[in-house]
Each structure stands twice: as structure tokens, then as C-alpha cells.
């Protein structure tokens, strides 16, 4: 059979689109390895609108439960499959997974991205034990504490600015020069609780049950420093999960899918994308869900105009 839409990815973007597709009675195939988005590792998500506080594990369970509650006979959920390739056929699309092949009139890509991890001694041991990759999710947990941000780009400085609202002190370590917008750097450096250090190499993350120190080398001075902190926020980039469409749709230099922000359409008619896999300016759970709903609404109109 040929589905109206194939949704690829089981995070907040995919689930939001899936719920809307079900309520519109669109015949949908929903393909995801699991419902574990990047926020799953968070101990306390406080910015998912409508929910005061929720753990990442509960968040993932709620996403899956919400979709299943409305799926009925409209949404076929294919959990445990990952998409290897999407191909354009005569008027439709073929979605090839590790287990099956599906045909759909349209495709919505919501496969997100994967955080680049710090590759230093202690990083694995203290992941989610003081070392975090999501300031929006975990930042408030470090109120009145000394923390460090690793990463000198816009994401690093944006994280630092956010943390300065409630942390005791914030030290930012950049591998080379600061790469954030000049005005952002200037404004952040004015904060008396902030210190930015260029040309650093991270050597080790230390701790007991939780992080209590980070060791780095200042290449300008040659000094090796042990920085006593209770939290480490790594902003060293992310990797969009877009390999399976890299030869089909246009990508930017970082392999994000380029979309029209009004509709979430990609460069290929019949394919939409939303969430962290796209070149959207901001990547957040609420934004991903909203963009996916926007895309689904546009897909619905597209299908009815092309009957």
C-alpha cells in the first residue's frame, strides 16, 4: 500500500506530527528506532510547555503513549526500525529501513541530531552526573553553583548567558578563538560572574559520585589548571541524522536539511523536515514540535490540492 505520509523519527517533532496526522485521519507510517530524544538523559525537564517538571525518561514514555493513544487505524507505528535510505519514485517515495520498504506520497523527516560528545578521560563516567549537553533542560539544576561551558561558538556563549542568570559563576573554555557573534561575546564578557578563556585543551573530568573538577591546559601560558566546578555544559556541536537523504535533498555545510521556515518544505517537492535535523535557527523541543505541526498542516493541504 501507499501511505499519505511517512514520518521518520520518534522525538517531539515526529510525535507532534504523528498526533496531528492521526486526528486528520491521514494514513501514516511512523518509523522510529525508539522514542528516546536527546532530552531523555535529562534528570529534570522544566521547559516543556504545559508540564512543570518531568524527567527525560518520563518524557519519552509520554511521547510514545500520546501517539499510541490517537494512532488507531490511521498511524502504523514501526518501532525498532531505522531508515537506511529514502528514494524518489514515480510520483511517490520509497522508504527503505533495515527491515522493510514502505511507499508514501509524502515524507516528513524528524530524525533529529546527535550531540557531539567530549572525548576526554572522565567524560563517559560523569555523563549526566554533572556533565550535560543540554543547558535548557538541566541548567536550573545548577543554581548558585560554579560551572564551566566547553565551546566558544554561538551555542557556547548562548549557554553561558543563560546560566549566568542563576549560577554562581560561569567559565567558558574555547578550543581556539571565540567564534560567537562579536556583540554576543562583548556583552557576555561584561558580566562579572563570567570568565572566557581562549586556546584551551580539555585534559580530564574529575569527580566522585558527581563532577567536582575539570582539568585543562591554557596553550597561551602553558599552564595546566584544575578548575573546581559542580557542572560542565558541553556545547561542541551536534551531528544531524540526515545521512539517509544526503543525496536527495539540499543540505547546508553542516548537513542540516535546508527548509523553508514558512512551511518546512525541503528542496524536493513532497519532502518536509522539522526539528534538529533542519537548518532552523533554534533547536528546542517546543520549537521542533511546533515546526513539525506546521509541516504536517502543509502536507495535509498539499495532498488535498494534488488529489
C-alpha atoms as a PDB file:
ATOM      1  CA  UNK A   1       0.000   0.000   0.000  1.00  0.00           C
ATOM      2  CA  UNK A   2       0.997   3.646  -0.369  1.00  0.00           C
ATOM      3  CA  UNK A   3       0.694   5.834   2.735  1.00  0.00           C
ATOM      4  CA  UNK A   4      -0.275   9.501   2.678  1.00  0.00           C
ATOM      5  CA  UNK A   5       2.818  10.395   4.703  1.00  0.00           C
ATOM      6  CA  UNK A   6       5.853   8.694   6.158  1.00  0.00           C
ATOM      7  CA  UNK A   7       7.153  10.271   9.374  1.00  0.00           C
ATOM      8  CA  UNK A   8      10.762   9.413  10.198  1.00  0.00           C
ATOM      9  CA  UNK A   9      11.836   9.932  13.813  1.00  0.00           C
ATOM     10  CA  UNK A  10      10.277   9.463  17.240  1.00  0.00           C
ATOM     11  CA  UNK A  11      11.219  12.611  19.155  1.00  0.00           C
ATOM     12  CA  UNK A  12       8.921  15.541  19.983  1.00  0.00           C
ATOM     13  CA  UNK A  13       8.773  16.671  16.342  1.00  0.00           C
ATOM     14  CA  UNK A  14       7.804  13.276  14.994  1.00  0.00           C
ATOM     15  CA  UNK A  15       5.262  12.588  17.723  1.00  0.00           C
ATOM     16  CA  UNK A  16       3.636  16.013  17.340  1.00  0.00           C
ATOM     17  CA  UNK A  17       3.237  15.400  13.609  1.00  0.00           C
ATOM     18  CA  UNK A  18       2.006  11.857  14.234  1.00  0.00           C
ATOM     19  CA  UNK A  19      -0.723  13.005  16.611  1.00  0.00           C
ATOM     20  CA  UNK A  20      -1.905  15.634  14.133  1.00  0.00           C
ATOM     21  CA  UNK A  21      -1.827  13.122  11.284  1.00  0.00           C
ATOM     22  CA  UNK A  22      -3.963  10.719  13.319  1.00  0.00           C
ATOM     23  CA  UNK A  23      -6.517  13.387  14.135  1.00  0.00           C
ATOM     24  CA  UNK A  24      -6.746  14.272  10.443  1.00  0.00           C
ATOM     25  CA  UNK A  25      -7.204  10.582   9.590  1.00  0.00           C
ATOM     26  CA  UNK A  26      -4.186  10.595   7.311  1.00  0.00           C
ATOM     27  CA  UNK A  27      -2.869   7.137   6.515  1.00  0.00           C
ATOM     28  CA  UNK A  28       0.591   7.344   8.083  1.00  0.00           C
ATOM     29  CA  UNK A  29       3.599   5.122   8.582  1.00  0.00           C
ATOM     30  CA  UNK A  30       5.607   6.252  11.605  1.00  0.00           C
ATOM     31  CA  UNK A  31       9.141   4.873  11.564  1.00  0.00           C
ATOM     32  CA  UNK A  32      11.498   5.208  14.519  1.00  0.00           C
ATOM     33  CA  UNK A  33      14.214   3.237  16.226  1.00  0.00           C
ATOM     34  CA  UNK A  34      12.797   4.400  19.567  1.00  0.00           C
ATOM     35  CA  UNK A  35      11.226   7.404  21.285  1.00  0.00           C
ATOM     36  CA  UNK A  36      14.448   8.437  23.022  1.00  0.00           C
ATOM     37  CA  UNK A  37      15.249  12.012  22.034  1.00  0.00           C
ATOM     38  CA  UNK A  38      18.304  13.926  23.277  1.00  0.00           C
ATOM     39  CA  UNK A  39      16.293  15.114  26.278  1.00  0.00           C
ATOM     40  CA  UNK A  40      15.870  11.562  27.542  1.00  0.00           C
ATOM     41  CA  UNK A  41      19.091  11.888  29.560  1.00  0.00           C
ATOM     42  CA  UNK A  42      17.823  14.927  31.455  1.00  0.00           C
ATOM     43  CA  UNK A  43      17.007  14.439  35.133  1.00  0.00           C
ATOM     44  CA  UNK A  44      14.526  17.295  35.174  1.00  0.00           C
ATOM     45  CA  UNK A  45      12.987  18.982  32.104  1.00  0.00           C
ATOM     46  CA  UNK A  46      11.345  22.236  33.176  1.00  0.00           C
ATOM     47  CA  UNK A  47      10.669  23.945  29.842  1.00  0.00           C
ATOM     48  CA  UNK A  48       8.297  21.531  28.113  1.00  0.00           C
ATOM     49  CA  UNK A  49       5.255  23.792  27.919  1.00  0.00           C
ATOM     50  CA  UNK A  50       2.311  22.601  29.978  1.00  0.00           C
ATOM     51  CA  UNK A  51       4.458  20.383  32.191  1.00  0.00           C
ATOM     52  CA  UNK A  52       6.125  21.990  35.196  1.00  0.00           C
ATOM     53  CA  UNK A  53       8.728  19.267  35.699  1.00  0.00           C
ATOM     54  CA  UNK A  54       9.385  15.871  34.151  1.00  0.00           C
ATOM     55  CA  UNK A  55      12.327  13.501  33.870  1.00  0.00           C
ATOM     56  CA  UNK A  56      13.717  12.674  30.468  1.00  0.00           C
ATOM     57  CA  UNK A  57      12.670   9.044  30.863  1.00  0.00           C
ATOM     58  CA  UNK A  58       9.084  10.015  31.686  1.00  0.00           C
ATOM     59  CA  UNK A  59       9.106  12.494  28.804  1.00  0.00           C
ATOM     60  CA  UNK A  60       9.987   9.746  26.309  1.00  0.00           C
ATOM     61  CA  UNK A  61       7.295   7.447  27.716  1.00  0.00           C
ATOM     62  CA  UNK A  62       4.708  10.217  27.484  1.00  0.00           C
ATOM     63  CA  UNK A  63       5.569  10.921  23.852  1.00  0.00           C
ATOM     64  CA  UNK A  64       5.080   7.278  22.919  1.00  0.00           C
ATOM     65  CA  UNK A  65       1.870   6.991  24.957  1.00  0.00           C
ATOM     66  CA  UNK A  66       0.402  10.131  23.408  1.00  0.00           C
ATOM     67  CA  UNK A  67       0.974   8.883  19.875  1.00  0.00           C
ATOM     68  CA  UNK A  68      -0.405   5.417  20.624  1.00  0.00           C
ATOM     69  CA  UNK A  69      -3.496   6.919  22.248  1.00  0.00           C
ATOM     70  CA  UNK A  70      -4.527   8.524  18.956  1.00  0.00           C
ATOM     71  CA  UNK A  71      -2.921   6.243  16.355  1.00  0.00           C
ATOM     72  CA  UNK A  72      -5.970   3.952  15.969  1.00  0.00           C
ATOM     73  CA  UNK A  73      -6.181   2.758  12.366  1.00  0.00           C
ATOM     74  CA  UNK A  74      -4.554   5.896  10.922  1.00  0.00           C
ATOM     75  CA  UNK A  75      -0.942   5.676  12.117  1.00  0.00           C
ATOM     76  CA  UNK A  76       1.054   2.474  11.709  1.00  0.00           C
ATOM     77  CA  UNK A  77       3.870   2.708  14.275  1.00  0.00           C
ATOM     78  CA  UNK A  78       7.017   0.861  13.180  1.00  0.00           C
ATOM     79  CA  UNK A  79       9.137   0.995  16.334  1.00  0.00           C
ATOM     80  CA  UNK A  80      12.540  -0.672  16.266  1.00  0.00           C
ATOM     81  CA  UNK A  81      13.343   0.176  12.646  1.00  0.00           C
ATOM     82  CA  UNK A  82      15.838   2.694  11.325  1.00  0.00           C
ATOM     83  CA  UNK A  83      15.723   4.260   7.879  1.00  0.00           C
ATOM     84  CA  UNK A  84      18.639   3.459   5.592  1.00  0.00           C
ATOM     85  CA  UNK A  85      17.530   5.455   2.550  1.00  0.00           C
ATOM     86  CA  UNK A  86      14.695   7.470   1.028  1.00  0.00           C
ATOM     87  CA  UNK A  87      14.245   7.287  -2.742  1.00  0.00           C
ATOM     88  CA  UNK A  88      12.008   9.246  -5.087  1.00  0.00           C
ATOM     89  CA  UNK A  89       9.938   7.021  -7.365  1.00  0.00           C
ATOM     90  CA  UNK A  90       7.243   7.787  -9.925  1.00  0.00           C
ATOM     91  CA  UNK A  91       5.242  10.376  -8.004  1.00  0.00           C
ATOM     92  CA  UNK A  92       5.854   8.738  -4.633  1.00  0.00           C
ATOM     93  CA  UNK A  93       8.698   7.909  -2.261  1.00  0.00           C
ATOM     94  CA  UNK A  94      10.229   4.634  -1.177  1.00  0.00           C
ATOM     95  CA  UNK A  95      11.420   4.490   2.439  1.00  0.00           C
ATOM     96  CA  UNK A  96      13.915   1.675   2.965  1.00  0.00           C
ATOM     97  CA  UNK A  97      14.573   0.541   6.532  1.00  0.00           C
ATOM     98  CA  UNK A  98      16.753  -2.194   7.979  1.00  0.00           C
ATOM     99  CA  UNK A  99      13.702  -4.483   7.935  1.00  0.00           C
ATOM    100  CA  UNK A 100      11.166  -3.369   5.332  1.00  0.00           C
ATOM    101  CA  UNK A 101      10.324  -0.992   2.495  1.00  0.00           C
ATOM    102  CA  UNK A 102       7.409   1.437   2.559  1.00  0.00           C
ATOM    103  CA  UNK A 103       5.766   3.625  -0.064  1.00  0.00           C
ATOM    104  CA  UNK A 104       4.386   7.086   0.727  1.00  0.00           C
ATOM    105  CA  UNK A 105       3.090  10.089  -1.178  1.00  0.00           C
ATOM    106  CA  UNK A 106       4.986  12.467   1.124  1.00  0.00           C
ATOM    107  CA  UNK A 107       7.765  12.287   3.698  1.00  0.00           C
ATOM    108  CA  UNK A 108       8.317  14.266   6.902  1.00  0.00           C
ATOM    109  CA  UNK A 109      11.850  13.993   8.283  1.00  0.00           C
ATOM    110  CA  UNK A 110      12.074  14.474  12.061  1.00  0.00           C
ATOM    111  CA  UNK A 111      15.124  12.338  12.810  1.00  0.00           C
ATOM    112  CA  UNK A 112      16.879  14.979  14.909  1.00  0.00           C
ATOM    113  CA  UNK A 113      20.580  15.060  15.644  1.00  0.00           C
ATOM    114  CA  UNK A 114      23.138  13.508  17.953  1.00  0.00           C
ATOM    115  CA  UNK A 115      25.261  15.556  20.329  1.00  0.00           C
ATOM    116  CA  UNK A 116      28.998  15.501  19.807  1.00  0.00           C
ATOM    117  CA  UNK A 117      30.480  14.097  22.985  1.00  0.00           C
ATOM    118  CA  UNK A 118      33.567  15.229  24.840  1.00  0.00           C
ATOM    119  CA  UNK A 119      36.297  12.681  24.245  1.00  0.00           C
ATOM    120  CA  UNK A 120      38.435  13.017  27.377  1.00  0.00           C
ATOM    121  CA  UNK A 121      39.036  10.855  30.471  1.00  0.00           C
ATOM    122  CA  UNK A 122      36.040  11.053  32.800  1.00  0.00           C
ATOM    123  CA  UNK A 123      33.547  12.152  30.146  1.00  0.00           C
ATOM    124  CA  UNK A 124      31.784   8.794  29.929  1.00  0.00           C
ATOM    125  CA  UNK A 125      31.857   8.206  33.672  1.00  0.00           C
ATOM    126  CA  UNK A 126      30.270  11.555  34.515  1.00  0.00           C
ATOM    127  CA  UNK A 127      27.852  11.864  31.599  1.00  0.00           C
ATOM    128  CA  UNK A 128      24.585  13.048  33.188  1.00  0.00           C
ATOM    129  CA  UNK A 129      26.380  13.196  36.555  1.00  0.00           C
ATOM    130  CA  UNK A 130      27.375  16.825  36.332  1.00  0.00           C
ATOM    131  CA  UNK A 131      28.362  16.674  32.662  1.00  0.00           C
ATOM    132  CA  UNK A 132      25.422  17.661  30.475  1.00  0.00           C
ATOM    133  CA  UNK A 133      24.774  18.530  26.861  1.00  0.00           C
ATOM    134  CA  UNK A 134      21.514  20.421  27.361  1.00  0.00           C
ATOM    135  CA  UNK A 135      21.536  23.709  29.257  1.00  0.00           C
ATOM    136  CA  UNK A 136      17.857  24.344  28.559  1.00  0.00           C
ATOM    137  CA  UNK A 137      16.987  21.023  30.177  1.00  0.00           C
ATOM    138  CA  UNK A 138      19.433  20.923  33.066  1.00  0.00           C
ATOM    139  CA  UNK A 139      20.643  24.473  33.691  1.00  0.00           C
ATOM    140  CA  UNK A 140      18.335  25.310  36.617  1.00  0.00           C
ATOM    141  CA  UNK A 141      19.627  22.255  38.500  1.00  0.00           C
ATOM    142  CA  UNK A 142      22.949  24.092  38.923  1.00  0.00           C
ATOM    143  CA  UNK A 143      21.577  27.215  40.585  1.00  0.00           C
ATOM    144  CA  UNK A 144      24.168  29.001  42.784  1.00  0.00           C
ATOM    145  CA  UNK A 145      26.931  26.661  41.620  1.00  0.00           C
ATOM    146  CA  UNK A 146      30.219  27.172  39.774  1.00  0.00           C
ATOM    147  CA  UNK A 147      30.000  25.742  36.266  1.00  0.00           C
ATOM    148  CA  UNK A 148      32.040  25.600  33.083  1.00  0.00           C
ATOM    149  CA  UNK A 149      30.911  25.762  29.459  1.00  0.00           C
ATOM    150  CA  UNK A 150      33.043  23.986  26.859  1.00  0.00           C
ATOM    151  CA  UNK A 151      32.698  25.567  23.421  1.00  0.00           C
ATOM    152  CA  UNK A 152      33.441  29.017  22.037  1.00  0.00           C
ATOM    153  CA  UNK A 153      30.776  29.312  19.351  1.00  0.00           C
ATOM    154  CA  UNK A 154      27.332  30.903  19.488  1.00  0.00           C
ATOM    155  CA  UNK A 155      25.880  27.859  21.250  1.00  0.00           C
ATOM    156  CA  UNK A 156      28.554  28.066  23.951  1.00  0.00           C
ATOM    157  CA  UNK A 157      28.021  31.764  24.590  1.00  0.00           C
ATOM    158  CA  UNK A 158      24.233  31.422  24.480  1.00  0.00           C
ATOM    159  CA  UNK A 159      24.507  28.675  27.086  1.00  0.00           C
ATOM    160  CA  UNK A 160      26.805  30.809  29.221  1.00  0.00           C
ATOM    161  CA  UNK A 161      24.403  33.754  29.061  1.00  0.00           C
ATOM    162  CA  UNK A 162      21.536  31.523  30.115  1.00  0.00           C
ATOM    163  CA  UNK A 163      23.498  30.042  33.023  1.00  0.00           C
ATOM    164  CA  UNK A 164      24.611  33.448  34.282  1.00  0.00           C
ATOM    165  CA  UNK A 165      21.019  34.115  35.316  1.00  0.00           C
ATOM    166  CA  UNK A 166      21.243  31.637  38.178  1.00  0.00           C
ATOM    167  CA  UNK A 167      24.748  30.141  38.517  1.00  0.00           C
ATOM    168  CA  UNK A 168      27.340  31.469  40.946  1.00  0.00           C
ATOM    169  CA  UNK A 169      29.987  31.697  38.229  1.00  0.00           C
ATOM    170  CA  UNK A 170      30.409  30.600  34.619  1.00  0.00           C
ATOM    171  CA  UNK A 171      33.765  29.907  32.964  1.00  0.00           C
ATOM    172  CA  UNK A 172      33.801  29.331  29.209  1.00  0.00           C
ATOM    173  CA  UNK A 173      36.651  27.366  27.645  1.00  0.00           C
ATOM    174  CA  UNK A 174      37.187  27.749  23.891  1.00  0.00           C
ATOM    175  CA  UNK A 175      39.463  25.388  21.987  1.00  0.00           C
ATOM    176  CA  UNK A 176      40.739  28.249  19.829  1.00  0.00           C
ATOM    177  CA  UNK A 177      39.424  31.791  19.450  1.00  0.00           C
ATOM    178  CA  UNK A 178      35.875  32.836  20.347  1.00  0.00           C
ATOM    179  CA  UNK A 179      33.705  32.146  17.290  1.00  0.00           C
ATOM    180  CA  UNK A 180      30.428  33.598  18.513  1.00  0.00           C
ATOM    181  CA  UNK A 181      28.985  36.865  17.197  1.00  0.00           C
ATOM    182  CA  UNK A 182      31.177  39.764  18.313  1.00  0.00           C
ATOM    183  CA  UNK A 183      28.391  41.626  20.090  1.00  0.00           C
ATOM    184  CA  UNK A 184      27.404  38.450  21.985  1.00  0.00           C
ATOM    185  CA  UNK A 185      30.987  37.948  23.138  1.00  0.00           C
ATOM    186  CA  UNK A 186      31.333  41.578  24.240  1.00  0.00           C
ATOM    187  CA  UNK A 187      28.088  41.568  26.215  1.00  0.00           C
ATOM    188  CA  UNK A 188      28.836  38.270  27.946  1.00  0.00           C
ATOM    189  CA  UNK A 189      32.365  39.302  28.914  1.00  0.00           C
ATOM    190  CA  UNK A 190      30.940  42.327  30.755  1.00  0.00           C
ATOM    191  CA  UNK A 191      29.222  40.103  33.300  1.00  0.00           C
ATOM    192  CA  UNK A 192      31.340  39.997  36.489  1.00  0.00           C
ATOM    193  CA  UNK A 193      30.355  36.347  37.066  1.00  0.00           C
ATOM    194  CA  UNK A 194      31.740  35.299  33.670  1.00  0.00           C
ATOM    195  CA  UNK A 195      35.242  34.411  32.521  1.00  0.00           C
ATOM    196  CA  UNK A 196      36.154  33.372  28.987  1.00  0.00           C
ATOM    197  CA  UNK A 197      39.427  31.634  28.157  1.00  0.00           C
ATOM    198  CA  UNK A 198      40.719  31.001  24.632  1.00  0.00           C
ATOM    199  CA  UNK A 199      43.103  28.363  23.280  1.00  0.00           C
ATOM    200  CA  UNK A 200      42.429  25.604  25.759  1.00  0.00           C
ATOM    201  CA  UNK A 201      42.737  21.835  25.671  1.00  0.00           C
ATOM    202  CA  UNK A 202      40.489  19.784  27.958  1.00  0.00           C
ATOM    203  CA  UNK A 203      42.510  17.064  29.694  1.00  0.00           C
ATOM    204  CA  UNK A 204      40.205  15.391  32.199  1.00  0.00           C
ATOM    205  CA  UNK A 205      36.913  15.499  34.085  1.00  0.00           C
ATOM    206  CA  UNK A 206      37.154  14.560  37.750  1.00  0.00           C
ATOM    207  CA  UNK A 207      34.670  13.742  40.453  1.00  0.00           C
ATOM    208  CA  UNK A 208      33.341  11.291  42.994  1.00  0.00           C
ATOM    209  CA  UNK A 209      29.681  10.455  42.528  1.00  0.00           C
ATOM    210  CA  UNK A 210      29.306  13.701  40.587  1.00  0.00           C
ATOM    211  CA  UNK A 211      31.616  16.127  38.794  1.00  0.00           C
ATOM    212  CA  UNK A 212      33.786  18.290  41.020  1.00  0.00           C
ATOM    213  CA  UNK A 213      36.597  19.450  38.720  1.00  0.00           C
ATOM    214  CA  UNK A 214      37.774  19.892  35.142  1.00  0.00           C
ATOM    215  CA  UNK A 215      41.443  19.905  34.134  1.00  0.00           C
ATOM    216  CA  UNK A 216      42.543  21.946  31.124  1.00  0.00           C
ATOM    217  CA  UNK A 217      45.689  23.412  29.611  1.00  0.00           C
ATOM    218  CA  UNK A 218      45.961  27.050  28.605  1.00  0.00           C
ATOM    219  CA  UNK A 219      48.038  26.913  25.424  1.00  0.00           C
ATOM    220  CA  UNK A 220      48.870  30.616  25.643  1.00  0.00           C
ATOM    221  CA  UNK A 221      50.588  30.256  29.019  1.00  0.00           C
ATOM    222  CA  UNK A 222      51.343  26.534  29.076  1.00  0.00           C
ATOM    223  CA  UNK A 223      49.643  26.320  32.474  1.00  0.00           C
ATOM    224  CA  UNK A 224      47.640  23.223  33.425  1.00  0.00           C
ATOM    225  CA  UNK A 225      44.668  24.251  35.557  1.00  0.00           C
ATOM    226  CA  UNK A 226      42.284  22.220  37.706  1.00  0.00           C
ATOM    227  CA  UNK A 227      39.039  24.163  37.748  1.00  0.00           C
ATOM    228  CA  UNK A 228      36.736  23.327  40.674  1.00  0.00           C
ATOM    229  CA  UNK A 229      33.179  23.184  39.327  1.00  0.00           C
ATOM    230  CA  UNK A 230      29.958  21.320  40.019  1.00  0.00           C
ATOM    231  CA  UNK A 231      28.669  21.357  36.456  1.00  0.00           C
ATOM    232  CA  UNK A 232      30.058  21.076  32.927  1.00  0.00           C
ATOM    233  CA  UNK A 233      27.985  22.101  29.916  1.00  0.00           C
ATOM    234  CA  UNK A 234      29.413  20.824  26.632  1.00  0.00           C
ATOM    235  CA  UNK A 235      28.499  22.784  23.507  1.00  0.00           C
ATOM    236  CA  UNK A 236      30.821  21.161  21.000  1.00  0.00           C
ATOM    237  CA  UNK A 237      28.294  20.782  18.217  1.00  0.00           C
ATOM    238  CA  UNK A 238      25.834  18.179  17.028  1.00  0.00           C
ATOM    239  CA  UNK A 239      25.574  15.788  14.110  1.00  0.00           C
ATOM    240  CA  UNK A 240      22.275  15.889  12.168  1.00  0.00           C
ATOM    241  CA  UNK A 241      20.837  12.455  11.445  1.00  0.00           C
ATOM    242  CA  UNK A 242      20.477  13.063   7.726  1.00  0.00           C
ATOM    243  CA  UNK A 243      22.810  10.593   6.008  1.00  0.00           C
ATOM    244  CA  UNK A 244      19.883   8.657   4.556  1.00  0.00           C
ATOM    245  CA  UNK A 245      18.727  11.686   2.491  1.00  0.00           C
ATOM    246  CA  UNK A 246      22.083  13.359   1.798  1.00  0.00           C
ATOM    247  CA  UNK A 247      21.834  12.566  -1.924  1.00  0.00           C
ATOM    248  CA  UNK A 248      18.191  13.578  -2.180  1.00  0.00           C
ATOM    249  CA  UNK A 249      17.588  16.952  -0.508  1.00  0.00           C
ATOM    250  CA  UNK A 250      19.793  20.021  -0.198  1.00  0.00           C
ATOM    251  CA  UNK A 251      21.883  20.231   2.963  1.00  0.00           C
ATOM    252  CA  UNK A 252      23.880  23.076   4.446  1.00  0.00           C
ATOM    253  CA  UNK A 253      27.612  22.821   5.193  1.00  0.00           C
ATOM    254  CA  UNK A 254      26.868  21.065   8.498  1.00  0.00           C
ATOM    255  CA  UNK A 255      24.493  18.543   6.855  1.00  0.00           C
ATOM    256  CA  UNK A 256      21.319  20.122   8.192  1.00  0.00           C
ATOM    257  CA  UNK A 257      18.369  19.903   5.810  1.00  0.00           C
ATOM    258  CA  UNK A 258      17.597  23.304   4.306  1.00  0.00           C
ATOM    259  CA  UNK A 259      13.916  24.166   4.739  1.00  0.00           C
ATOM    260  CA  UNK A 260      11.508  26.994   4.012  1.00  0.00           C
ATOM    261  CA  UNK A 261      10.690  28.261   7.536  1.00  0.00           C
ATOM    262  CA  UNK A 262       7.130  29.176   6.489  1.00  0.00           C
ATOM    263  CA  UNK A 263       6.178  25.623   5.538  1.00  0.00           C
ATOM    264  CA  UNK A 264       9.165  23.398   6.432  1.00  0.00           C
ATOM    265  CA  UNK A 265       9.375  22.255   2.806  1.00  0.00           C
ATOM    266  CA  UNK A 266      12.734  20.995   1.584  1.00  0.00           C
ATOM    267  CA  UNK A 267      14.306  21.367  -1.858  1.00  0.00           C
ATOM    268  CA  UNK A 268      12.378  18.309  -3.068  1.00  0.00           C
ATOM    269  CA  UNK A 269       8.641  18.563  -3.636  1.00  0.00           C
ATOM    270  CA  UNK A 270       6.909  16.087  -1.364  1.00  0.00           C
ATOM    271  CA  UNK A 271       9.523  16.104   1.402  1.00  0.00           C
ATOM    272  CA  UNK A 272       9.300  18.208   4.570  1.00  0.00           C
ATOM    273  CA  UNK A 273      11.600  18.349   7.589  1.00  0.00           C
ATOM    274  CA  UNK A 274      11.355  19.699  11.146  1.00  0.00           C
ATOM    275  CA  UNK A 275      13.413  19.744  14.326  1.00  0.00           C
ATOM    276  CA  UNK A 276      17.129  19.377  14.905  1.00  0.00           C
ATOM    277  CA  UNK A 277      17.755  17.774  11.509  1.00  0.00           C
ATOM    278  CA  UNK A 278      16.983  21.112   9.824  1.00  0.00           C
ATOM    279  CA  UNK A 279      18.843  24.394   9.433  1.00  0.00           C
ATOM    280  CA  UNK A 280      16.380  26.159  11.729  1.00  0.00           C
ATOM    281  CA  UNK A 281      17.896  28.956  13.792  1.00  0.00           C
ATOM    282  CA  UNK A 282      16.941  27.405  17.144  1.00  0.00           C
ATOM    283  CA  UNK A 283      16.782  23.753  18.173  1.00  0.00           C
ATOM    284  CA  UNK A 284      14.466  23.148  21.120  1.00  0.00           C
ATOM    285  CA  UNK A 285      11.798  20.561  21.933  1.00  0.00           C
ATOM    286  CA  UNK A 286       8.935  23.056  21.779  1.00  0.00           C
ATOM    287  CA  UNK A 287      10.190  24.568  18.537  1.00  0.00           C
ATOM    288  CA  UNK A 288      10.677  21.138  16.971  1.00  0.00           C
ATOM    289  CA  UNK A 289       7.125  20.134  17.851  1.00  0.00           C
ATOM    290  CA  UNK A 290       5.700  23.400  16.522  1.00  0.00           C
ATOM    291  CA  UNK A 291       7.631  23.204  13.266  1.00  0.00           C
ATOM    292  CA  UNK A 292       6.502  19.610  12.772  1.00  0.00           C
ATOM    293  CA  UNK A 293       2.857  20.569  13.243  1.00  0.00           C
ATOM    294  CA  UNK A 294       3.385  23.379  10.745  1.00  0.00           C
ATOM    295  CA  UNK A 295       4.841  20.879   8.282  1.00  0.00           C
ATOM    296  CA  UNK A 296       2.011  18.386   8.818  1.00  0.00           C
ATOM    297  CA  UNK A 297      -0.608  21.073   8.187  1.00  0.00           C
ATOM    298  CA  UNK A 298       1.156  21.969   4.937  1.00  0.00           C
ATOM    299  CA  UNK A 299       1.384  18.292   3.934  1.00  0.00           C
ATOM    300  CA  UNK A 300      -2.354  17.925   4.508  1.00  0.00           C
ATOM    301  CA  UNK A 301      -3.073  20.870   2.196  1.00  0.00           C
ATOM    302  CA  UNK A 302      -0.567  19.585  -0.345  1.00  0.00           C
ATOM    303  CA  UNK A 303      -2.208  16.187  -0.529  1.00  0.00           C
ATOM    304  CA  UNK A 304      -5.721  17.633  -0.904  1.00  0.00           C
ATOM    305  CA  UNK A 305      -4.618  20.028  -3.630  1.00  0.00           C
ATOM    306  CA  UNK A 306      -2.990  17.196  -5.530  1.00  0.00           C
ATOM    307  CA  UNK A 307      -5.867  14.712  -5.421  1.00  0.00           C
END
